Amino acid sequence: MRVDYAELRQRIMAVAEGEQDETALMATLACEIHHADSRFDWTGFYRVVGPELLKIGPYQGGHGCLTIPFSRGVCGAAARTQETQLVPDVDAFPGHIACASSTRSEIVLPVWNGAGELIAVLDIDSDEPDTFDQRDADALADILKAVFG
């Protein structure tokens, strides 16, 4: 089942309307995004909690890594560069952190608040190789901007 991003965005915006609490919004997005597509095996946020440090936030799926420095892994790369990371094969990504051995591909997007501050990254893992493309990146970035920006 491939996600219908227009419908997903509409659903998220309806549920999130008027909510200002970032944790509540992250929890809602993790749930809605995770259940929108069977390709998504782990969906969650890593929050910026200090200089160059991410800590696990709301998520759906098995256990995630608890902390990730900006210097390590796909999530760290997204936070460090503030650019979306599309990874078709996690085994080929230098410094990939294997929080789950089943993960084959990954997409990680930076999340900014309305003031333009990096507050988190959205991490989505798939057990299938080469799962994510620019369509996913663009649609997810649009949803994140609409909710948090």
N, C-alpha and C. Protein backbone atom coordinates (compact mmCIF):
# COMPACT_ATOMS: atom_id res chain seq x y z
N MET A 1 0.84 -1.18 0.00
CA MET A 1 0.00 0.00 0.00
C MET A 1 0.88 1.24 0.00
N ARG A 2 0.82 2.04 -1.04
CA ARG A 2 1.54 3.31 -1.12
C ARG A 2 0.68 4.42 -0.54
N VAL A 3 1.31 5.28 0.20
CA VAL A 3 0.61 6.36 0.87
C VAL A 3 0.04 7.37 -0.13
N ASP A 4 -1.14 7.85 0.18
CA ASP A 4 -1.76 8.96 -0.54
C ASP A 4 -1.42 10.20 0.28
N TYR A 5 -0.36 10.91 -0.14
CA TYR A 5 0.14 12.02 0.67
C TYR A 5 -0.86 13.16 0.79
N ALA A 6 -1.67 13.42 -0.22
CA ALA A 6 -2.66 14.50 -0.13
C ALA A 6 -3.68 14.17 0.96
N GLU A 7 -4.13 12.93 0.98
CA GLU A 7 -5.10 12.51 2.00
C GLU A 7 -4.45 12.49 3.38
N LEU A 8 -3.21 12.02 3.46
CA LEU A 8 -2.49 11.99 4.74
C LEU A 8 -2.32 13.40 5.28
N ARG A 9 -1.92 14.33 4.44
CA ARG A 9 -1.73 15.72 4.87
C ARG A 9 -3.04 16.30 5.39
N GLN A 10 -4.11 16.05 4.66
CA GLN A 10 -5.43 16.56 5.08
C GLN A 10 -5.82 15.99 6.44
N ARG A 11 -5.61 14.70 6.63
CA ARG A 11 -5.95 14.05 7.91
C ARG A 11 -5.11 14.62 9.05
N ILE A 12 -3.81 14.76 8.81
CA ILE A 12 -2.93 15.29 9.85
C ILE A 12 -3.30 16.72 10.21
N MET A 13 -3.56 17.54 9.22
CA MET A 13 -3.90 18.94 9.49
C MET A 13 -5.21 19.04 10.28
N ALA A 14 -6.16 18.17 10.01
CA ALA A 14 -7.42 18.19 10.75
C ALA A 14 -7.20 17.79 12.21
N VAL A 15 -6.41 16.76 12.44
CA VAL A 15 -6.15 16.29 13.81
C VAL A 15 -5.28 17.28 14.58
N ALA A 16 -4.33 17.90 13.91
CA ALA A 16 -3.36 18.78 14.57
C ALA A 16 -3.84 20.22 14.72
N GLU A 17 -4.98 20.54 14.15
CA GLU A 17 -5.44 21.93 14.14
C GLU A 17 -5.48 22.51 15.55
N GLY A 18 -4.80 23.66 15.71
CA GLY A 18 -4.82 24.37 16.98
C GLY A 18 -3.82 23.86 18.01
N GLU A 19 -3.20 22.73 17.77
CA GLU A 19 -2.24 22.17 18.74
C GLU A 19 -0.90 22.86 18.60
N GLN A 20 -0.32 23.26 19.72
CA GLN A 20 0.97 23.94 19.73
C GLN A 20 2.09 23.11 20.36
N ASP A 21 1.73 22.09 21.12
CA ASP A 21 2.73 21.29 21.82
C ASP A 21 3.49 20.40 20.82
N GLU A 22 4.80 20.61 20.74
CA GLU A 22 5.61 19.89 19.75
C GLU A 22 5.60 18.38 19.97
N THR A 23 5.62 17.94 21.23
CA THR A 23 5.63 16.50 21.50
C THR A 23 4.32 15.86 21.07
N ALA A 24 3.22 16.52 21.36
CA ALA A 24 1.92 16.00 20.94
C ALA A 24 1.83 15.93 19.42
N LEU A 25 2.36 16.94 18.76
CA LEU A 25 2.34 16.94 17.29
C LEU A 25 3.23 15.82 16.74
N MET A 26 4.41 15.64 17.33
CA MET A 26 5.30 14.57 16.87
C MET A 26 4.65 13.20 17.07
N ALA A 27 4.00 12.99 18.19
CA ALA A 27 3.33 11.71 18.45
C ALA A 27 2.23 11.45 17.43
N THR A 28 1.46 12.48 17.12
CA THR A 28 0.38 12.35 16.15
C THR A 28 0.92 12.05 14.76
N LEU A 29 1.95 12.79 14.35
CA LEU A 29 2.54 12.56 13.03
C LEU A 29 3.17 11.18 12.93
N ALA A 30 3.89 10.75 13.95
CA ALA A 30 4.52 9.43 13.91
C ALA A 30 3.46 8.35 13.70
N CYS A 31 2.36 8.45 14.41
CA CYS A 31 1.28 7.47 14.29
C CYS A 31 0.64 7.53 12.91
N GLU A 32 0.24 8.71 12.47
CA GLU A 32 -0.45 8.84 11.19
C GLU A 32 0.42 8.42 10.02
N ILE A 33 1.68 8.86 10.01
CA ILE A 33 2.58 8.52 8.91
C ILE A 33 2.88 7.02 8.91
N HIS A 34 3.17 6.48 10.08
CA HIS A 34 3.54 5.06 10.18
C HIS A 34 2.44 4.14 9.62
N HIS A 35 1.21 4.45 9.94
CA HIS A 35 0.10 3.58 9.54
C HIS A 35 -0.43 3.89 8.14
N ALA A 36 0.16 4.89 7.47
CA ALA A 36 -0.32 5.28 6.14
C ALA A 36 0.30 4.46 5.01
N ASP A 37 1.35 3.69 5.31
CA ASP A 37 2.07 3.00 4.24
C ASP A 37 2.73 1.74 4.79
N SER A 38 2.48 0.62 4.16
CA SER A 38 3.03 -0.66 4.64
C SER A 38 4.55 -0.74 4.47
N ARG A 39 5.13 0.16 3.69
CA ARG A 39 6.60 0.19 3.54
C ARG A 39 7.28 0.70 4.79
N PHE A 40 6.57 1.43 5.63
CA PHE A 40 7.15 2.10 6.78
C PHE A 40 7.19 1.14 7.97
N ASP A 41 8.42 0.70 8.33
CA ASP A 41 8.58 -0.26 9.42
C ASP A 41 8.84 0.43 10.76
N TRP A 42 9.49 1.56 10.74
CA TRP A 42 9.76 2.36 11.95
C TRP A 42 9.63 3.82 11.56
N THR A 43 8.84 4.56 12.33
CA THR A 43 8.58 5.95 12.03
C THR A 43 8.65 6.74 13.32
N GLY A 44 9.54 7.72 13.37
CA GLY A 44 9.61 8.49 14.60
C GLY A 44 10.51 9.71 14.50
N PHE A 45 10.55 10.42 15.61
CA PHE A 45 11.31 11.65 15.70
C PHE A 45 12.48 11.48 16.67
N TYR A 46 13.57 12.10 16.31
CA TYR A 46 14.69 12.30 17.23
C TYR A 46 14.76 13.80 17.46
N ARG A 47 14.63 14.19 18.73
CA ARG A 47 14.57 15.60 19.10
C ARG A 47 15.97 16.15 19.37
N VAL A 48 16.18 17.41 19.01
CA VAL A 48 17.41 18.10 19.36
C VAL A 48 17.31 18.47 20.84
N VAL A 49 18.22 17.91 21.67
CA VAL A 49 18.15 18.14 23.11
C VAL A 49 19.37 18.86 23.66
N GLY A 50 20.35 19.09 22.84
CA GLY A 50 21.56 19.79 23.27
C GLY A 50 22.42 20.04 22.06
N PRO A 51 23.56 20.65 22.29
CA PRO A 51 24.47 20.88 21.17
C PRO A 51 24.87 19.57 20.51
N GLU A 52 24.54 19.45 19.23
CA GLU A 52 24.97 18.29 18.44
C GLU A 52 24.45 16.95 18.98
N LEU A 53 23.26 16.95 19.61
CA LEU A 53 22.75 15.72 20.21
C LEU A 53 21.25 15.55 19.96
N LEU A 54 20.90 14.36 19.48
CA LEU A 54 19.50 13.97 19.27
C LEU A 54 19.13 12.92 20.31
N LYS A 55 17.87 12.99 20.78
CA LYS A 55 17.33 11.98 21.70
C LYS A 55 16.00 11.52 21.16
N ILE A 56 15.73 10.24 21.33
CA ILE A 56 14.51 9.66 20.78
C ILE A 56 13.27 10.41 21.29
N GLY A 57 12.34 10.58 20.38
CA GLY A 57 11.06 11.20 20.71
C GLY A 57 9.94 10.23 20.38
N PRO A 58 8.75 10.73 20.15
CA PRO A 58 7.63 9.85 19.82
C PRO A 58 7.91 9.03 18.56
N TYR A 59 7.53 7.74 18.62
CA TYR A 59 7.76 6.87 17.47
C TYR A 59 6.77 5.72 17.45
N GLN A 60 6.73 5.03 16.31
CA GLN A 60 5.93 3.82 16.10
C GLN A 60 6.88 2.75 15.57
N GLY A 61 6.78 1.54 16.10
CA GLY A 61 7.64 0.45 15.68
C GLY A 61 8.44 -0.08 16.86
N GLY A 62 9.44 -0.89 16.56
CA GLY A 62 10.28 -1.46 17.62
C GLY A 62 11.15 -0.39 18.26
N HIS A 63 11.98 -0.83 19.21
CA HIS A 63 12.87 0.10 19.91
C HIS A 63 13.76 0.84 18.93
N GLY A 64 14.02 2.09 19.23
CA GLY A 64 14.98 2.90 18.47
C GLY A 64 16.20 3.16 19.31
N CYS A 65 17.20 3.77 18.72
CA CYS A 65 18.37 4.20 19.48
C CYS A 65 17.94 5.33 20.42
N LEU A 66 18.49 5.38 21.62
CA LEU A 66 18.07 6.40 22.57
C LEU A 66 18.69 7.76 22.28
N THR A 67 19.97 7.79 21.98
CA THR A 67 20.62 9.06 21.64
C THR A 67 21.48 8.87 20.40
N ILE A 68 21.57 9.94 19.62
CA ILE A 68 22.39 9.92 18.40
C ILE A 68 23.10 11.27 18.30
N PRO A 69 24.43 11.26 18.29
CA PRO A 69 25.14 12.52 18.06
C PRO A 69 25.00 12.94 16.59
N PHE A 70 25.09 14.25 16.34
CA PHE A 70 25.01 14.76 14.97
C PHE A 70 26.10 14.15 14.10
N SER A 71 27.16 13.65 14.70
CA SER A 71 28.30 13.13 13.95
C SER A 71 28.12 11.69 13.48
N ARG A 72 27.00 11.03 13.85
CA ARG A 72 26.85 9.63 13.52
C ARG A 72 25.53 9.33 12.82
N GLY A 73 25.59 8.38 11.90
CA GLY A 73 24.40 7.83 11.29
C GLY A 73 23.64 8.75 10.35
N VAL A 74 22.55 8.22 9.84
CA VAL A 74 21.71 8.96 8.89
C VAL A 74 20.99 10.10 9.59
N CYS A 75 20.49 9.85 10.79
CA CYS A 75 19.81 10.91 11.55
C CYS A 75 20.77 12.03 11.88
N GLY A 76 21.97 11.67 12.30
CA GLY A 76 22.98 12.68 12.59
C GLY A 76 23.33 13.50 11.36
N ALA A 77 23.43 12.84 10.22
CA ALA A 77 23.74 13.54 8.96
C ALA A 77 22.63 14.52 8.60
N ALA A 78 21.38 14.14 8.78
CA ALA A 78 20.26 15.04 8.48
C ALA A 78 20.28 16.25 9.40
N ALA A 79 20.58 16.03 10.68
CA ALA A 79 20.65 17.13 11.64
C ALA A 79 21.86 18.03 11.34
N ARG A 80 23.00 17.42 11.08
CA ARG A 80 24.25 18.17 10.85
C ARG A 80 24.17 19.02 9.58
N THR A 81 23.68 18.43 8.48
CA THR A 81 23.62 19.14 7.20
C THR A 81 22.33 19.92 7.01
N GLN A 82 21.32 19.60 7.83
CA GLN A 82 19.97 20.16 7.72
C GLN A 82 19.40 19.92 6.33
N GLU A 83 19.72 18.74 5.79
CA GLU A 83 19.21 18.31 4.49
C GLU A 83 18.60 16.92 4.60
N THR A 84 17.57 16.66 3.81
CA THR A 84 16.95 15.35 3.79
C THR A 84 17.96 14.30 3.32
N GLN A 85 17.94 13.17 4.00
CA GLN A 85 18.81 12.05 3.64
C GLN A 85 17.94 10.93 3.07
N LEU A 86 18.13 10.61 1.80
CA LEU A 86 17.46 9.49 1.14
C LEU A 86 18.50 8.39 1.00
N VAL A 87 18.29 7.29 1.70
CA VAL A 87 19.29 6.22 1.72
C VAL A 87 18.68 4.93 1.18
N PRO A 88 18.99 4.57 -0.09
CA PRO A 88 18.41 3.37 -0.68
C PRO A 88 18.96 2.06 -0.09
N ASP A 89 20.18 2.10 0.46
CA ASP A 89 20.82 0.92 1.04
C ASP A 89 21.61 1.35 2.27
N VAL A 90 21.06 1.08 3.46
CA VAL A 90 21.71 1.55 4.68
C VAL A 90 23.09 0.94 4.87
N ASP A 91 23.32 -0.25 4.34
CA ASP A 91 24.64 -0.89 4.48
C ASP A 91 25.72 -0.13 3.72
N ALA A 92 25.33 0.66 2.73
CA ALA A 92 26.29 1.43 1.94
C ALA A 92 26.49 2.84 2.50
N PHE A 93 25.75 3.21 3.57
CA PHE A 93 25.87 4.54 4.15
C PHE A 93 26.98 4.54 5.19
N PRO A 94 28.02 5.33 4.99
CA PRO A 94 29.14 5.35 5.95
C PRO A 94 28.66 5.77 7.34
N GLY A 95 28.96 4.96 8.34
CA GLY A 95 28.61 5.28 9.71
C GLY A 95 27.17 5.00 10.08
N HIS A 96 26.44 4.25 9.25
CA HIS A 96 25.05 3.93 9.58
C HIS A 96 24.97 3.26 10.94
N ILE A 97 24.00 3.68 11.74
CA ILE A 97 23.77 3.07 13.05
C ILE A 97 22.62 2.08 12.89
N ALA A 98 22.88 0.83 13.15
CA ALA A 98 21.86 -0.21 12.99
C ALA A 98 21.06 -0.36 14.27
N CYS A 99 20.04 0.48 14.43
CA CYS A 99 19.15 0.36 15.58
C CYS A 99 18.28 -0.90 15.45
N ALA A 100 17.99 -1.27 14.20
CA ALA A 100 17.25 -2.51 13.91
C ALA A 100 17.96 -3.20 12.74
N SER A 101 18.29 -4.46 12.92
CA SER A 101 19.04 -5.19 11.89
C SER A 101 18.23 -5.42 10.63
N SER A 102 16.91 -5.28 10.71
CA SER A 102 16.05 -5.53 9.55
C SER A 102 15.98 -4.33 8.59
N THR A 103 16.41 -3.15 9.02
CA THR A 103 16.30 -1.95 8.19
C THR A 103 17.18 -2.07 6.95
N ARG A 104 16.58 -1.80 5.79
CA ARG A 104 17.30 -1.85 4.52
C ARG A 104 17.43 -0.49 3.86
N SER A 105 16.43 0.39 4.02
CA SER A 105 16.49 1.74 3.46
C SER A 105 15.86 2.71 4.45
N GLU A 106 16.15 4.01 4.22
CA GLU A 106 15.77 4.99 5.22
C GLU A 106 15.62 6.37 4.58
N ILE A 107 14.74 7.16 5.16
CA ILE A 107 14.63 8.58 4.82
C ILE A 107 14.59 9.35 6.13
N VAL A 108 15.36 10.43 6.20
CA VAL A 108 15.38 11.27 7.39
C VAL A 108 15.28 12.72 6.94
N LEU A 109 14.34 13.44 7.54
CA LEU A 109 14.10 14.84 7.19
C LEU A 109 14.31 15.74 8.40
N PRO A 110 14.97 16.89 8.21
CA PRO A 110 15.07 17.85 9.30
C PRO A 110 13.71 18.48 9.58
N VAL A 111 13.49 18.85 10.84
CA VAL A 111 12.23 19.47 11.26
C VAL A 111 12.58 20.80 11.92
N TRP A 112 12.02 21.89 11.37
CA TRP A 112 12.24 23.22 11.92
C TRP A 112 10.95 23.76 12.52
N ASN A 113 11.10 24.59 13.56
CA ASN A 113 9.93 25.26 14.11
C ASN A 113 9.68 26.55 13.34
N GLY A 114 8.68 27.31 13.74
CA GLY A 114 8.32 28.54 13.04
C GLY A 114 9.41 29.59 13.05
N ALA A 115 10.33 29.52 14.03
CA ALA A 115 11.45 30.47 14.13
C ALA A 115 12.64 30.03 13.29
N GLY A 116 12.50 28.89 12.59
CA GLY A 116 13.59 28.39 11.75
C GLY A 116 14.66 27.62 12.50
N GLU A 117 14.37 27.22 13.75
CA GLU A 117 15.33 26.45 14.55
C GLU A 117 15.11 24.96 14.31
N LEU A 118 16.21 24.22 14.16
CA LEU A 118 16.11 22.77 14.03
C LEU A 118 15.66 22.20 15.36
N ILE A 119 14.51 21.52 15.38
CA ILE A 119 14.00 20.96 16.64
C ILE A 119 14.05 19.44 16.66
N ALA A 120 14.18 18.81 15.48
CA ALA A 120 14.14 17.35 15.43
C ALA A 120 14.48 16.88 14.02
N VAL A 121 14.53 15.57 13.87
CA VAL A 121 14.53 14.95 12.55
C VAL A 121 13.44 13.88 12.56
N LEU A 122 12.80 13.72 11.42
CA LEU A 122 11.82 12.65 11.23
C LEU A 122 12.54 11.51 10.52
N ASP A 123 12.52 10.34 11.13
CA ASP A 123 13.21 9.16 10.62
C ASP A 123 12.18 8.10 10.24
N ILE A 124 12.25 7.61 9.01
CA ILE A 124 11.38 6.52 8.59
C ILE A 124 12.27 5.42 8.01
N ASP A 125 12.15 4.22 8.56
CA ASP A 125 12.92 3.06 8.11
C ASP A 125 12.01 2.08 7.39
N SER A 126 12.60 1.35 6.45
CA SER A 126 11.87 0.30 5.74
C SER A 126 12.71 -0.96 5.71
N ASP A 127 12.04 -2.10 5.78
CA ASP A 127 12.71 -3.39 5.65
C ASP A 127 12.96 -3.74 4.19
N GLU A 128 12.49 -2.90 3.27
CA GLU A 128 12.67 -3.11 1.84
C GLU A 128 13.79 -2.20 1.34
N PRO A 129 14.63 -2.67 0.43
CA PRO A 129 15.67 -1.80 -0.14
C PRO A 129 15.06 -0.77 -1.09
N ASP A 130 15.73 0.37 -1.20
CA ASP A 130 15.38 1.41 -2.16
C ASP A 130 13.89 1.77 -2.13
N THR A 131 13.39 2.00 -0.94
CA THR A 131 11.96 2.23 -0.75
C THR A 131 11.54 3.67 -1.02
N PHE A 132 12.39 4.61 -0.65
CA PHE A 132 12.00 6.02 -0.64
C PHE A 132 12.54 6.77 -1.86
N ASP A 133 11.77 7.77 -2.31
CA ASP A 133 12.20 8.56 -3.44
C ASP A 133 11.90 10.04 -3.17
N GLN A 134 12.16 10.87 -4.17
CA GLN A 134 11.97 12.31 -4.02
C GLN A 134 10.52 12.67 -3.77
N ARG A 135 9.60 11.88 -4.28
CA ARG A 135 8.17 12.12 -4.02
C ARG A 135 7.89 12.03 -2.53
N ASP A 136 8.45 11.00 -1.87
CA ASP A 136 8.29 10.87 -0.42
C ASP A 136 8.91 12.07 0.29
N ALA A 137 10.13 12.42 -0.12
CA ALA A 137 10.85 13.52 0.53
C ALA A 137 10.07 14.83 0.42
N ASP A 138 9.58 15.14 -0.75
CA ASP A 138 8.86 16.40 -0.97
C ASP A 138 7.55 16.44 -0.19
N ALA A 139 6.80 15.35 -0.24
CA ALA A 139 5.50 15.32 0.45
C ALA A 139 5.66 15.37 1.97
N LEU A 140 6.64 14.63 2.49
CA LEU A 140 6.86 14.64 3.94
C LEU A 140 7.37 16.01 4.40
N ALA A 141 8.25 16.63 3.62
CA ALA A 141 8.75 17.96 3.96
C ALA A 141 7.59 18.97 3.99
N ASP A 142 6.68 18.84 3.05
CA ASP A 142 5.52 19.73 3.01
C ASP A 142 4.66 19.57 4.26
N ILE A 143 4.44 18.33 4.67
CA ILE A 143 3.65 18.06 5.88
C ILE A 143 4.35 18.64 7.11
N LEU A 144 5.66 18.41 7.23
CA LEU A 144 6.39 18.91 8.39
C LEU A 144 6.34 20.45 8.45
N LYS A 145 6.49 21.09 7.33
CA LYS A 145 6.45 22.55 7.29
C LYS A 145 5.06 23.06 7.67
N ALA A 146 4.03 22.39 7.19
CA ALA A 146 2.66 22.81 7.49
C ALA A 146 2.35 22.66 8.98
N VAL A 147 2.88 21.63 9.61
CA VAL A 147 2.58 21.37 11.02
C VAL A 147 3.46 22.18 11.96
N PHE A 148 4.77 22.21 11.70
CA PHE A 148 5.71 22.81 12.64
C PHE A 148 6.18 24.22 12.25
N GLY A 149 6.09 24.53 10.96
CA GLY A 149 6.64 25.81 10.49
C GLY A 149 5.67 26.92 10.58
